Amino acid sequence: MEPLVALLAEWWWIGPAAAGAGTVGWVGVRRSRRRALPAGTTTTGDRAVRAWASRPLSKAAARRLELDAAQLDLQTARHAVTRGRADVKVADAEVVRAQAERAASRVSSDTVAAARARLVDAQRDLRAAMAEVRARRAGVKAAKAMLPAIRAGSAPLPVARLLAEHDAILARWMAYETDPGLAIDHPQMSDSRSPLLAEFLRAHERAQWLRPASVQTRLEPADYLAYRDAVRRTAHAFDRAERAARQGTEQPGFEGGDAWSRVAADLAETAQRALARSMESMGRAAARSWTERGARRASAKRPDAAAPGSDGGSVWPPPARDRPHPPAS
């Protein structure tokens, strides 16, 4: 009996290893068979998935898509709150441990300060997560309030409304690309080197990649949330870029022509000041010349303006030295 027990104790791993090898071999055979299939051939499972994805979204699911997405968003926010509370508890325990080790002179005060800073960060993240839950609850209420109007046909479907918002952003952007007046007045909106416009282009690329082909495209609530958030980020990025362009604020980090743009602006301003000074000087000179010319014309028209002793006439009364002396009495 003892030799049998010793043999089992020594070779117990043969059974699990054999079972694992068999499983791996079966998986390998399945994969090799799939790789051996001709190009364009799919398995039954793949065909089922593609057929399900190609089916149009039902009317009931299309109407409830925004509500289902809002509920999924709320569930995700609640999970974030749960994780935040756990992080706060862990950070609080770290503070207690650091204080105990500091009391035993095992760590420095910097370790306690770092632990407290992590606790503060965890508490701030928890408050932000709780605020996000309140916002998501409001989103669920708004989706429920819109559902009767969508069912009655007086409000568009969620996907249609989201596509319209995306198209409106693209129309606003294309106006700067096609209107020469807007392109001249706001060159930042057509220059991809602008940081704010580059941010908008990245957000637009993401939204365009997530955009469904049509209103009837089957979308899961998670896909709808991803596309909705991408459209919102695109709208916010475009608003920031447009606001900065219309206010004429300098955008930091402008690559390539930043230094040359400042130099050109300084030269243009200097030239304008010099032109204004020269025009002012020319105006003063012209006014002085016109005044002197008018004075000469006025003096030439007056006959009594001849100089004393000139040929134009005699001086009267004559000077005292030229007057006849009175006769002696």
C-alpha atoms as a PDB file:
ATOM      1  CA  MET A   1       0.000   0.000   0.000  1.00  0.00           C
ATOM      2  CA  GLU A   2       2.774   2.379   0.913  1.00  0.00           C
ATOM      3  CA  PRO A   3       4.587   1.934  -2.454  1.00  0.00           C
ATOM      4  CA  LEU A   4       1.297   2.699  -4.259  1.00  0.00           C
ATOM      5  CA  VAL A   5       0.820   5.879  -2.205  1.00  0.00           C
ATOM      6  CA  ALA A   6       4.399   6.907  -2.887  1.00  0.00           C
ATOM      7  CA  LEU A   7       3.916   6.272  -6.618  1.00  0.00           C
ATOM      8  CA  LEU A   8       0.749   8.362  -6.684  1.00  0.00           C
ATOM      9  CA  ALA A   9       2.447  11.152  -4.765  1.00  0.00           C
ATOM     10  CA  GLU A  10       5.302  11.175  -7.270  1.00  0.00           C
ATOM     11  CA  TRP A  11       3.293  10.902 -10.507  1.00  0.00           C
ATOM     12  CA  TRP A  12       0.110  12.785  -9.592  1.00  0.00           C
ATOM     13  CA  TRP A  13       0.717  15.481 -12.191  1.00  0.00           C
ATOM     14  CA  ILE A  14       0.417  13.114 -15.163  1.00  0.00           C
ATOM     15  CA  GLY A  15      -3.395  13.258 -15.266  1.00  0.00           C
ATOM     16  CA  PRO A  16      -3.786  17.102 -15.262  1.00  0.00           C
ATOM     17  CA  ALA A  17      -0.936  17.459 -17.726  1.00  0.00           C
ATOM     18  CA  ALA A  18      -2.507  14.989 -20.110  1.00  0.00           C
ATOM     19  CA  ALA A  19      -5.856  16.765 -19.881  1.00  0.00           C
ATOM     20  CA  GLY A  20      -4.238  20.139 -20.516  1.00  0.00           C
ATOM     21  CA  ALA A  21      -2.294  18.780 -23.472  1.00  0.00           C
ATOM     22  CA  GLY A  22      -5.465  17.385 -24.952  1.00  0.00           C
ATOM     23  CA  THR A  23      -7.234  20.722 -24.598  1.00  0.00           C
ATOM     24  CA  VAL A  24      -4.358  22.614 -26.197  1.00  0.00           C
ATOM     25  CA  GLY A  25      -4.213  20.113 -29.012  1.00  0.00           C
ATOM     26  CA  TRP A  26      -7.925  20.463 -29.688  1.00  0.00           C
ATOM     27  CA  VAL A  27      -7.638  24.253 -29.762  1.00  0.00           C
ATOM     28  CA  GLY A  28      -4.658  23.983 -32.107  1.00  0.00           C
ATOM     29  CA  VAL A  29      -6.558  21.729 -34.438  1.00  0.00           C
ATOM     30  CA  ARG A  30      -9.471  24.132 -34.504  1.00  0.00           C
ATOM     31  CA  ARG A  31      -7.161  27.067 -35.277  1.00  0.00           C
ATOM     32  CA  SER A  32      -5.257  25.134 -37.930  1.00  0.00           C
ATOM     33  CA  ARG A  33      -8.514  24.136 -39.564  1.00  0.00           C
ATOM     34  CA  ARG A  34      -9.619  27.766 -39.577  1.00  0.00           C
ATOM     35  CA  ARG A  35      -6.326  28.868 -41.104  1.00  0.00           C
ATOM     36  CA  ALA A  36      -6.598  26.111 -43.697  1.00  0.00           C
ATOM     37  CA  LEU A  37      -9.947  27.435 -44.955  1.00  0.00           C
ATOM     38  CA  PRO A  38      -9.906  29.155 -48.354  1.00  0.00           C
ATOM     39  CA  ALA A  39      -9.865  32.936 -48.528  1.00  0.00           C
ATOM     40  CA  GLY A  40     -13.302  34.439 -47.963  1.00  0.00           C
ATOM     41  CA  THR A  41     -14.654  31.301 -46.262  1.00  0.00           C
ATOM     42  CA  THR A  42     -16.172  31.784 -42.815  1.00  0.00           C
ATOM     43  CA  THR A  43     -17.332  29.436 -40.128  1.00  0.00           C
ATOM     44  CA  THR A  44     -20.899  29.083 -38.971  1.00  0.00           C
ATOM     45  CA  GLY A  45     -20.262  31.261 -35.910  1.00  0.00           C
ATOM     46  CA  ASP A  46     -18.692  34.041 -37.960  1.00  0.00           C
ATOM     47  CA  ARG A  47     -21.572  33.973 -40.410  1.00  0.00           C
ATOM     48  CA  ALA A  48     -24.042  34.251 -37.549  1.00  0.00           C
ATOM     49  CA  VAL A  49     -22.229  37.245 -36.053  1.00  0.00           C
ATOM     50  CA  ARG A  50     -22.026  39.014 -39.398  1.00  0.00           C
ATOM     51  CA  ALA A  51     -25.650  38.315 -40.139  1.00  0.00           C
ATOM     52  CA  TRP A  52     -26.663  39.708 -36.764  1.00  0.00           C
ATOM     53  CA  ALA A  53     -24.541  42.838 -37.267  1.00  0.00           C
ATOM     54  CA  SER A  54     -25.868  43.410 -40.777  1.00  0.00           C
ATOM     55  CA  ARG A  55     -29.479  43.343 -39.674  1.00  0.00           C
ATOM     56  CA  PRO A  56     -30.994  46.836 -39.313  1.00  0.00           C
ATOM     57  CA  LEU A  57     -31.857  48.099 -35.875  1.00  0.00           C
ATOM     58  CA  SER A  58     -35.469  47.537 -34.926  1.00  0.00           C
ATOM     59  CA  LYS A  59     -37.705  50.543 -34.363  1.00  0.00           C
ATOM     60  CA  ALA A  60     -38.133  49.848 -30.656  1.00  0.00           C
ATOM     61  CA  ALA A  61     -34.395  49.443 -30.132  1.00  0.00           C
ATOM     62  CA  ALA A  62     -33.686  52.583 -32.181  1.00  0.00           C
ATOM     63  CA  ARG A  63     -36.082  54.595 -30.024  1.00  0.00           C
ATOM     64  CA  ARG A  64     -34.665  53.248 -26.758  1.00  0.00           C
ATOM     65  CA  LEU A  65     -31.027  53.477 -27.811  1.00  0.00           C
ATOM     66  CA  GLU A  66     -30.360  56.761 -26.033  1.00  0.00           C
ATOM     67  CA  LEU A  67     -32.087  55.565 -22.864  1.00  0.00           C
ATOM     68  CA  ASP A  68     -30.180  52.275 -22.879  1.00  0.00           C
ATOM     69  CA  ALA A  69     -26.927  54.145 -23.434  1.00  0.00           C
ATOM     70  CA  ALA A  70     -27.706  56.569 -20.598  1.00  0.00           C
ATOM     71  CA  GLN A  71     -28.412  53.686 -18.230  1.00  0.00           C
ATOM     72  CA  LEU A  72     -25.146  52.031 -19.226  1.00  0.00           C
ATOM     73  CA  ASP A  73     -23.366  55.324 -18.638  1.00  0.00           C
ATOM     74  CA  LEU A  74     -24.931  55.567 -15.173  1.00  0.00           C
ATOM     75  CA  GLN A  75     -23.850  52.031 -14.371  1.00  0.00           C
ATOM     76  CA  THR A  76     -20.273  52.835 -15.393  1.00  0.00           C
ATOM     77  CA  ALA A  77     -20.289  55.955 -13.221  1.00  0.00           C
ATOM     78  CA  ARG A  78     -21.519  53.941 -10.245  1.00  0.00           C
ATOM     79  CA  HIS A  79     -18.689  51.463 -10.731  1.00  0.00           C
ATOM     80  CA  ALA A  80     -16.283  54.395 -10.701  1.00  0.00           C
ATOM     81  CA  VAL A  81     -17.730  55.534  -7.360  1.00  0.00           C
ATOM     82  CA  THR A  82     -17.242  52.046  -5.931  1.00  0.00           C
ATOM     83  CA  ARG A  83     -13.632  52.026  -7.053  1.00  0.00           C
ATOM     84  CA  GLY A  84     -13.145  55.517  -5.672  1.00  0.00           C
ATOM     85  CA  ARG A  85     -14.420  54.533  -2.241  1.00  0.00           C
ATOM     86  CA  ALA A  86     -12.069  51.559  -2.204  1.00  0.00           C
ATOM     87  CA  ASP A  87      -9.163  53.814  -3.188  1.00  0.00           C
ATOM     88  CA  VAL A  88     -10.027  56.214  -0.359  1.00  0.00           C
ATOM     89  CA  LYS A  89     -10.021  53.368   2.181  1.00  0.00           C
ATOM     90  CA  VAL A  90      -6.675  52.119   0.930  1.00  0.00           C
ATOM     91  CA  ALA A  91      -5.160  55.606   1.027  1.00  0.00           C
ATOM     92  CA  ASP A  92      -6.531  56.159   4.545  1.00  0.00           C
ATOM     93  CA  ALA A  93      -4.920  52.907   5.705  1.00  0.00           C
ATOM     94  CA  GLU A  94      -1.648  53.998   4.141  1.00  0.00           C
ATOM     95  CA  VAL A  95      -1.771  57.238   6.103  1.00  0.00           C
ATOM     96  CA  VAL A  96      -2.352  55.359   9.369  1.00  0.00           C
ATOM     97  CA  ARG A  97       0.512  52.981   8.613  1.00  0.00           C
ATOM     98  CA  ALA A  98       2.857  55.849   7.689  1.00  0.00           C
ATOM     99  CA  GLN A  99       1.974  57.707  10.903  1.00  0.00           C
ATOM    100  CA  ALA A 100       2.671  54.576  12.981  1.00  0.00           C
ATOM    101  CA  GLU A 101       6.029  54.026  11.312  1.00  0.00           C
ATOM    102  CA  ARG A 102       6.838  57.700  11.761  1.00  0.00           C
ATOM    103  CA  ALA A 103       6.083  57.381  15.474  1.00  0.00           C
ATOM    104  CA  ALA A 104       8.547  54.468  15.582  1.00  0.00           C
ATOM    105  CA  SER A 105      11.138  56.591  13.713  1.00  0.00           C
ATOM    106  CA  ARG A 106      11.204  54.167  10.802  1.00  0.00           C
ATOM    107  CA  VAL A 107      10.246  56.640   8.096  1.00  0.00           C
ATOM    108  CA  SER A 108      10.611  60.363   7.615  1.00  0.00           C
ATOM    109  CA  SER A 109       7.885  62.966   7.680  1.00  0.00           C
ATOM    110  CA  ASP A 110       8.005  63.132   3.892  1.00  0.00           C
ATOM    111  CA  THR A 111       6.530  59.642   3.707  1.00  0.00           C
ATOM    112  CA  VAL A 112       3.595  60.708   5.875  1.00  0.00           C
ATOM    113  CA  ALA A 113       3.083  63.834   3.750  1.00  0.00           C
ATOM    114  CA  ALA A 114       3.112  61.753   0.561  1.00  0.00           C
ATOM    115  CA  ALA A 115       0.545  59.341   2.034  1.00  0.00           C
ATOM    116  CA  ARG A 116      -1.705  62.241   3.005  1.00  0.00           C
ATOM    117  CA  ALA A 117      -1.367  63.721  -0.482  1.00  0.00           C
ATOM    118  CA  ARG A 118      -2.471  60.411  -1.997  1.00  0.00           C
ATOM    119  CA  LEU A 119      -5.455  60.392   0.357  1.00  0.00           C
ATOM    120  CA  VAL A 120      -6.415  63.903  -0.704  1.00  0.00           C
ATOM    121  CA  ASP A 121      -6.184  62.908  -4.369  1.00  0.00           C
ATOM    122  CA  ALA A 122      -8.336  59.822  -3.777  1.00  0.00           C
ATOM    123  CA  GLN A 123     -10.966  61.884  -1.967  1.00  0.00           C
ATOM    124  CA  ARG A 124     -11.006  64.424  -4.803  1.00  0.00           C
ATOM    125  CA  ASP A 125     -11.417  61.661  -7.380  1.00  0.00           C
ATOM    126  CA  LEU A 126     -14.269  60.184  -5.326  1.00  0.00           C
ATOM    127  CA  ARG A 127     -16.080  63.527  -5.215  1.00  0.00           C
ATOM    128  CA  ALA A 128     -15.664  63.874  -8.974  1.00  0.00           C
ATOM    129  CA  ALA A 129     -17.034  60.360  -9.498  1.00  0.00           C
ATOM    130  CA  MET A 130     -20.056  61.115  -7.303  1.00  0.00           C
ATOM    131  CA  ALA A 131     -20.714  64.293  -9.262  1.00  0.00           C
ATOM    132  CA  GLU A 132     -20.487  62.232 -12.454  1.00  0.00           C
ATOM    133  CA  VAL A 133     -23.154  59.882 -11.086  1.00  0.00           C
ATOM    134  CA  ARG A 134     -25.483  62.826 -10.494  1.00  0.00           C
ATOM    135  CA  ALA A 135     -24.889  64.046 -14.035  1.00  0.00           C
ATOM    136  CA  ARG A 136     -25.558  60.595 -15.474  1.00  0.00           C
ATOM    137  CA  ARG A 137     -28.793  60.347 -13.504  1.00  0.00           C
ATOM    138  CA  ALA A 138     -29.888  63.592 -15.098  1.00  0.00           C
ATOM    139  CA  GLY A 139     -29.021  62.107 -18.486  1.00  0.00           C
ATOM    140  CA  VAL A 140     -31.230  59.087 -17.782  1.00  0.00           C
ATOM    141  CA  LYS A 141     -34.118  61.365 -16.794  1.00  0.00           C
ATOM    142  CA  ALA A 142     -33.676  63.426 -19.968  1.00  0.00           C
ATOM    143  CA  ALA A 143     -33.663  60.293 -22.127  1.00  0.00           C
ATOM    144  CA  LYS A 144     -36.836  59.048 -20.453  1.00  0.00           C
ATOM    145  CA  ALA A 145     -38.499  62.409 -21.008  1.00  0.00           C
ATOM    146  CA  MET A 146     -37.629  62.323 -24.727  1.00  0.00           C
ATOM    147  CA  LEU A 147     -38.860  58.774 -25.258  1.00  0.00           C
ATOM    148  CA  PRO A 148     -42.604  59.621 -25.688  1.00  0.00           C
ATOM    149  CA  ALA A 149     -41.797  62.282 -28.283  1.00  0.00           C
ATOM    150  CA  ILE A 150     -39.554  59.863 -30.171  1.00  0.00           C
ATOM    151  CA  ARG A 151     -42.273  57.213 -30.145  1.00  0.00           C
ATOM    152  CA  ALA A 152     -44.829  59.727 -31.401  1.00  0.00           C
ATOM    153  CA  GLY A 153     -42.510  60.795 -34.231  1.00  0.00           C
ATOM    154  CA  SER A 154     -42.313  64.444 -33.163  1.00  0.00           C
ATOM    155  CA  ALA A 155     -38.635  64.061 -32.219  1.00  0.00           C
ATOM    156  CA  PRO A 156     -35.897  62.436 -34.319  1.00  0.00           C
ATOM    157  CA  LEU A 157     -34.283  59.146 -33.426  1.00  0.00           C
ATOM    158  CA  PRO A 158     -31.206  59.374 -31.194  1.00  0.00           C
ATOM    159  CA  VAL A 159     -28.835  58.290 -33.968  1.00  0.00           C
ATOM    160  CA  ALA A 160     -30.402  60.730 -36.441  1.00  0.00           C
ATOM    161  CA  ARG A 161     -30.077  63.602 -33.984  1.00  0.00           C
ATOM    162  CA  LEU A 162     -26.442  62.711 -33.288  1.00  0.00           C
ATOM    163  CA  LEU A 163     -25.653  62.513 -36.998  1.00  0.00           C
ATOM    164  CA  ALA A 164     -27.268  65.935 -37.493  1.00  0.00           C
ATOM    165  CA  GLU A 165     -25.105  67.428 -34.725  1.00  0.00           C
ATOM    166  CA  HIS A 166     -22.006  65.958 -36.334  1.00  0.00           C
ATOM    167  CA  ASP A 167     -22.993  67.308 -39.760  1.00  0.00           C
ATOM    168  CA  ALA A 168     -23.584  70.774 -38.288  1.00  0.00           C
ATOM    169  CA  ILE A 169     -20.039  70.848 -36.885  1.00  0.00           C
ATOM    170  CA  LEU A 170     -18.608  69.788 -40.229  1.00  0.00           C
ATOM    171  CA  ALA A 171     -20.631  72.485 -42.023  1.00  0.00           C
ATOM    172  CA  ARG A 172     -19.257  75.160 -39.692  1.00  0.00           C
ATOM    173  CA  TRP A 173     -15.714  73.963 -40.330  1.00  0.00           C
ATOM    174  CA  MET A 174     -16.142  73.765 -44.118  1.00  0.00           C
ATOM    175  CA  ALA A 175     -17.312  77.376 -44.144  1.00  0.00           C
ATOM    176  CA  TYR A 176     -13.778  78.437 -43.166  1.00  0.00           C
ATOM    177  CA  GLU A 177     -12.328  76.158 -45.838  1.00  0.00           C
ATOM    178  CA  THR A 178     -14.532  77.343 -48.717  1.00  0.00           C
ATOM    179  CA  ASP A 179     -15.293  81.021 -47.943  1.00  0.00           C
ATOM    180  CA  PRO A 180     -12.346  83.257 -48.998  1.00  0.00           C
ATOM    181  CA  GLY A 181     -13.498  86.068 -46.716  1.00  0.00           C
ATOM    182  CA  LEU A 182     -13.538  83.871 -43.629  1.00  0.00           C
ATOM    183  CA  ALA A 183     -10.216  82.321 -44.610  1.00  0.00           C
ATOM    184  CA  ILE A 184      -8.611  85.769 -44.827  1.00  0.00           C
ATOM    185  CA  ASP A 185     -10.182  87.099 -41.629  1.00  0.00           C
ATOM    186  CA  HIS A 186      -9.455  83.965 -39.589  1.00  0.00           C
ATOM    187  CA  PRO A 187      -6.404  82.171 -41.046  1.00  0.00           C
ATOM    188  CA  GLN A 188      -5.999  80.038 -37.900  1.00  0.00           C
ATOM    189  CA  MET A 189      -9.128  78.079 -38.822  1.00  0.00           C
ATOM    190  CA  SER A 190      -7.509  76.764 -42.012  1.00  0.00           C
ATOM    191  CA  ASP A 191      -3.952  76.244 -40.723  1.00  0.00           C
ATOM    192  CA  SER A 192      -3.370  72.726 -39.441  1.00  0.00           C
ATOM    193  CA  ARG A 193      -0.278  73.904 -37.527  1.00  0.00           C
ATOM    194  CA  SER A 194      -2.511  75.763 -35.100  1.00  0.00           C
ATOM    195  CA  PRO A 195      -2.654  73.760 -31.838  1.00  0.00           C
ATOM    196  CA  LEU A 196      -6.374  74.300 -31.270  1.00  0.00           C
ATOM    197  CA  LEU A 197      -7.269  73.415 -34.843  1.00  0.00           C
ATOM    198  CA  ALA A 198      -5.022  70.350 -34.658  1.00  0.00           C
ATOM    199  CA  GLU A 199      -6.891  69.260 -31.552  1.00  0.00           C
ATOM    200  CA  PHE A 200     -10.177  69.663 -33.408  1.00  0.00           C
ATOM    201  CA  LEU A 201      -8.879  67.650 -36.366  1.00  0.00           C
ATOM    202  CA  ARG A 202      -7.861  64.786 -34.083  1.00  0.00           C
ATOM    203  CA  ALA A 203     -11.268  64.772 -32.387  1.00  0.00           C
ATOM    204  CA  HIS A 204     -12.980  64.953 -35.783  1.00  0.00           C
ATOM    205  CA  GLU A 205     -10.981  61.982 -37.050  1.00  0.00           C
ATOM    206  CA  ARG A 206     -12.046  59.937 -34.033  1.00  0.00           C
ATOM    207  CA  ALA A 207     -15.705  60.892 -34.455  1.00  0.00           C
ATOM    208  CA  GLN A 208     -15.590  60.168 -38.173  1.00  0.00           C
ATOM    209  CA  TRP A 209     -14.174  56.714 -37.488  1.00  0.00           C
ATOM    210  CA  LEU A 210     -16.970  55.931 -34.992  1.00  0.00           C
ATOM    211  CA  ARG A 211     -19.718  57.411 -37.185  1.00  0.00           C
ATOM    212  CA  PRO A 212     -22.362  54.856 -38.234  1.00  0.00           C
ATOM    213  CA  ALA A 213     -23.057  54.418 -41.918  1.00  0.00           C
ATOM    214  CA  SER A 214     -26.729  55.351 -41.605  1.00  0.00           C
ATOM    215  CA  VAL A 215     -29.569  55.722 -39.144  1.00  0.00           C
ATOM    216  CA  GLN A 216     -30.488  52.059 -39.600  1.00  0.00           C
ATOM    217  CA  THR A 217     -27.009  50.811 -38.661  1.00  0.00           C
ATOM    218  CA  ARG A 218     -27.103  48.455 -35.681  1.00  0.00           C
ATOM    219  CA  LEU A 219     -25.444  50.078 -32.695  1.00  0.00           C
ATOM    220  CA  GLU A 220     -24.916  48.779 -29.210  1.00  0.00           C
ATOM    221  CA  PRO A 221     -25.373  51.214 -26.304  1.00  0.00           C
ATOM    222  CA  ALA A 222     -21.595  51.237 -25.773  1.00  0.00           C
ATOM    223  CA  ASP A 223     -21.018  52.123 -29.451  1.00  0.00           C
ATOM    224  CA  TYR A 224     -23.609  54.906 -29.223  1.00  0.00           C
ATOM    225  CA  LEU A 225     -21.898  56.296 -26.105  1.00  0.00           C
ATOM    226  CA  ALA A 226     -18.497  56.250 -27.802  1.00  0.00           C
ATOM    227  CA  TYR A 227     -19.820  58.099 -30.858  1.00  0.00           C
ATOM    228  CA  ARG A 228     -21.773  60.577 -28.727  1.00  0.00           C
ATOM    229  CA  ASP A 229     -18.725  61.429 -26.608  1.00  0.00           C
ATOM    230  CA  ALA A 230     -16.585  61.768 -29.736  1.00  0.00           C
ATOM    231  CA  VAL A 231     -19.070  64.224 -31.275  1.00  0.00           C
ATOM    232  CA  ARG A 232     -19.167  66.242 -28.056  1.00  0.00           C
ATOM    233  CA  ARG A 233     -15.382  66.419 -27.888  1.00  0.00           C
ATOM    234  CA  THR A 234     -15.319  67.520 -31.525  1.00  0.00           C
ATOM    235  CA  ALA A 235     -17.852  70.277 -30.846  1.00  0.00           C
ATOM    236  CA  HIS A 236     -15.964  71.552 -27.806  1.00  0.00           C
ATOM    237  CA  ALA A 237     -12.649  71.540 -29.672  1.00  0.00           C
ATOM    238  CA  PHE A 238     -14.146  73.458 -32.601  1.00  0.00           C
ATOM    239  CA  ASP A 239     -15.731  76.024 -30.271  1.00  0.00           C
ATOM    240  CA  ARG A 240     -12.376  76.648 -28.585  1.00  0.00           C
ATOM    241  CA  ALA A 241     -10.569  77.037 -31.902  1.00  0.00           C
ATOM    242  CA  GLU A 242     -13.242  79.333 -33.343  1.00  0.00           C
ATOM    243  CA  ARG A 243     -13.383  81.482 -30.196  1.00  0.00           C
ATOM    244  CA  ALA A 244      -9.615  81.960 -30.213  1.00  0.00           C
ATOM    245  CA  ALA A 245      -9.589  82.778 -33.933  1.00  0.00           C
ATOM    246  CA  ARG A 246     -12.396  85.342 -33.683  1.00  0.00           C
ATOM    247  CA  GLN A 247     -10.898  87.026 -30.623  1.00  0.00           C
ATOM    248  CA  GLY A 248      -7.506  87.217 -32.313  1.00  0.00           C
ATOM    249  CA  THR A 249      -5.702  85.708 -29.353  1.00  0.00           C
ATOM    250  CA  GLU A 250      -2.262  84.305 -29.896  1.00  0.00           C
ATOM    251  CA  GLN A 251      -2.257  80.555 -29.718  1.00  0.00           C
ATOM    252  CA  PRO A 252       0.734  79.236 -27.749  1.00  0.00           C
ATOM    253  CA  GLY A 253       2.989  76.641 -29.253  1.00  0.00           C
ATOM    254  CA  PHE A 254       2.388  77.655 -32.878  1.00  0.00           C
ATOM    255  CA  GLU A 255       4.874  75.511 -34.768  1.00  0.00           C
ATOM    256  CA  GLY A 256       6.993  76.547 -37.735  1.00  0.00           C
ATOM    257  CA  GLY A 257       6.182  80.193 -38.457  1.00  0.00           C
ATOM    258  CA  ASP A 258       5.780  81.513 -34.930  1.00  0.00           C
ATOM    259  CA  ALA A 259       8.998  83.564 -34.775  1.00  0.00           C
ATOM    260  CA  TRP A 260       8.720  84.726 -38.374  1.00  0.00           C
ATOM    261  CA  SER A 261       5.101  85.726 -37.833  1.00  0.00           C
ATOM    262  CA  ARG A 262       6.064  87.910 -34.876  1.00  0.00           C
ATOM    263  CA  VAL A 263       8.932  89.485 -36.862  1.00  0.00           C
ATOM    264  CA  ALA A 264       6.638  90.173 -39.817  1.00  0.00           C
ATOM    265  CA  ALA A 265       4.027  91.698 -37.522  1.00  0.00           C
ATOM    266  CA  ASP A 266       6.640  93.977 -35.909  1.00  0.00           C
ATOM    267  CA  LEU A 267       7.955  95.092 -39.299  1.00  0.00           C
ATOM    268  CA  ALA A 268       4.456  95.812 -40.547  1.00  0.00           C
ATOM    269  CA  GLU A 269       3.671  97.858 -37.453  1.00  0.00           C
ATOM    270  CA  THR A 270       6.922  99.825 -37.794  1.00  0.00           C
ATOM    271  CA  ALA A 271       6.201 100.518 -41.460  1.00  0.00           C
ATOM    272  CA  GLN A 272       2.721 101.741 -40.609  1.00  0.00           C
ATOM    273  CA  ARG A 273       4.066 104.100 -37.971  1.00  0.00           C
ATOM    274  CA  ALA A 274       6.701 105.455 -40.379  1.00  0.00           C
ATOM    275  CA  LEU A 275       4.090 105.950 -43.094  1.00  0.00           C
ATOM    276  CA  ALA A 276       1.825 107.796 -40.668  1.00  0.00           C
ATOM    277  CA  ARG A 277       4.670 110.103 -39.604  1.00  0.00           C
ATOM    278  CA  SER A 278       5.657 110.852 -43.211  1.00  0.00           C
ATOM    279  CA  MET A 279       2.067 111.590 -44.158  1.00  0.00           C
ATOM    280  CA  GLU A 280       1.737 113.929 -41.189  1.00  0.00           C
ATOM    281  CA  SER A 281       4.938 115.775 -42.141  1.00  0.00           C
ATOM    282  CA  MET A 282       3.817 116.112 -45.741  1.00  0.00           C
ATOM    283  CA  GLY A 283       0.493 117.476 -44.564  1.00  0.00           C
ATOM    284  CA  ARG A 284       2.139 120.118 -42.396  1.00  0.00           C
ATOM    285  CA  ALA A 285       4.477 121.152 -45.231  1.00  0.00           C
ATOM    286  CA  ALA A 286       1.583 121.454 -47.678  1.00  0.00           C
ATOM    287  CA  ALA A 287      -0.426 123.549 -45.215  1.00  0.00           C
ATOM    288  CA  ARG A 288       2.553 125.877 -44.619  1.00  0.00           C
ATOM    289  CA  SER A 289       3.126 126.304 -48.357  1.00  0.00           C
ATOM    290  CA  TRP A 290      -0.532 127.005 -48.966  1.00  0.00           C
ATOM    291  CA  THR A 291      -0.585 129.657 -46.204  1.00  0.00           C
ATOM    292  CA  GLU A 292       2.498 131.438 -47.565  1.00  0.00           C
ATOM    293  CA  ARG A 293       1.132 131.389 -51.105  1.00  0.00           C
ATOM    294  CA  GLY A 294      -2.170 132.888 -49.938  1.00  0.00           C
ATOM    295  CA  ALA A 295      -0.348 135.647 -48.055  1.00  0.00           C
ATOM    296  CA  ARG A 296       1.652 136.593 -51.168  1.00  0.00           C
ATOM    297  CA  ARG A 297      -1.497 136.754 -53.290  1.00  0.00           C
ATOM    298  CA  ALA A 298      -3.222 139.021 -50.756  1.00  0.00           C
ATOM    299  CA  SER A 299      -0.258 141.430 -50.552  1.00  0.00           C
ATOM    300  CA  ALA A 300      -0.010 141.652 -54.345  1.00  0.00           C
ATOM    301  CA  LYS A 301      -3.681 142.652 -54.702  1.00  0.00           C
ATOM    302  CA  ARG A 302      -3.483 145.636 -52.252  1.00  0.00           C
ATOM    303  CA  PRO A 303      -2.197 148.897 -53.961  1.00  0.00           C
ATOM    304  CA  ASP A 304      -1.184 150.560 -50.691  1.00  0.00           C
ATOM    305  CA  ALA A 305       1.072 147.716 -49.837  1.00  0.00           C
ATOM    306  CA  ALA A 306       4.040 149.144 -51.838  1.00  0.00           C
ATOM    307  CA  ALA A 307       7.262 149.547 -49.958  1.00  0.00           C
ATOM    308  CA  PRO A 308       8.269 153.076 -48.771  1.00  0.00           C
ATOM    309  CA  GLY A 309      10.381 154.987 -51.356  1.00  0.00           C
ATOM    310  CA  SER A 310       9.544 152.727 -54.226  1.00  0.00           C
ATOM    311  CA  ASP A 311       8.346 153.849 -57.682  1.00  0.00           C
ATOM    312  CA  GLY A 312       4.783 153.085 -56.855  1.00  0.00           C
ATOM    313  CA  GLY A 313       4.203 156.603 -55.212  1.00  0.00           C
ATOM    314  CA  SER A 314       5.528 159.202 -52.739  1.00  0.00           C
ATOM    315  CA  VAL A 315       5.436 159.066 -49.025  1.00  0.00           C
ATOM    316  CA  TRP A 316       3.034 161.487 -47.297  1.00  0.00           C
ATOM    317  CA  PRO A 317       3.492 163.313 -45.042  1.00  0.00           C
ATOM    318  CA  PRO A 318       7.155 163.887 -45.842  1.00  0.00           C
ATOM    319  CA  PRO A 319       9.739 163.523 -43.121  1.00  0.00           C
ATOM    320  CA  ALA A 320      10.478 166.512 -40.886  1.00  0.00           C
ATOM    321  CA  ARG A 321      13.855 167.190 -42.500  1.00  0.00           C
ATOM    322  CA  ASP A 322      12.188 167.701 -45.887  1.00  0.00           C
ATOM    323  CA  ARG A 323       9.454 170.042 -44.747  1.00  0.00           C
ATOM    324  CA  PRO A 324       9.856 173.830 -45.538  1.00  0.00           C
ATOM    325  CA  HIS A 325      10.790 175.951 -42.549  1.00  0.00           C
ATOM    326  CA  PRO A 326       8.243 178.646 -41.527  1.00  0.00           C
ATOM    327  CA  PRO A 327       9.178 182.286 -42.441  1.00  0.00           C
ATOM    328  CA  ALA A 328      10.859 184.404 -39.803  1.00  0.00           C
ATOM    329  CA  SER A 329       8.737 187.055 -38.241  1.00  0.00           C
END
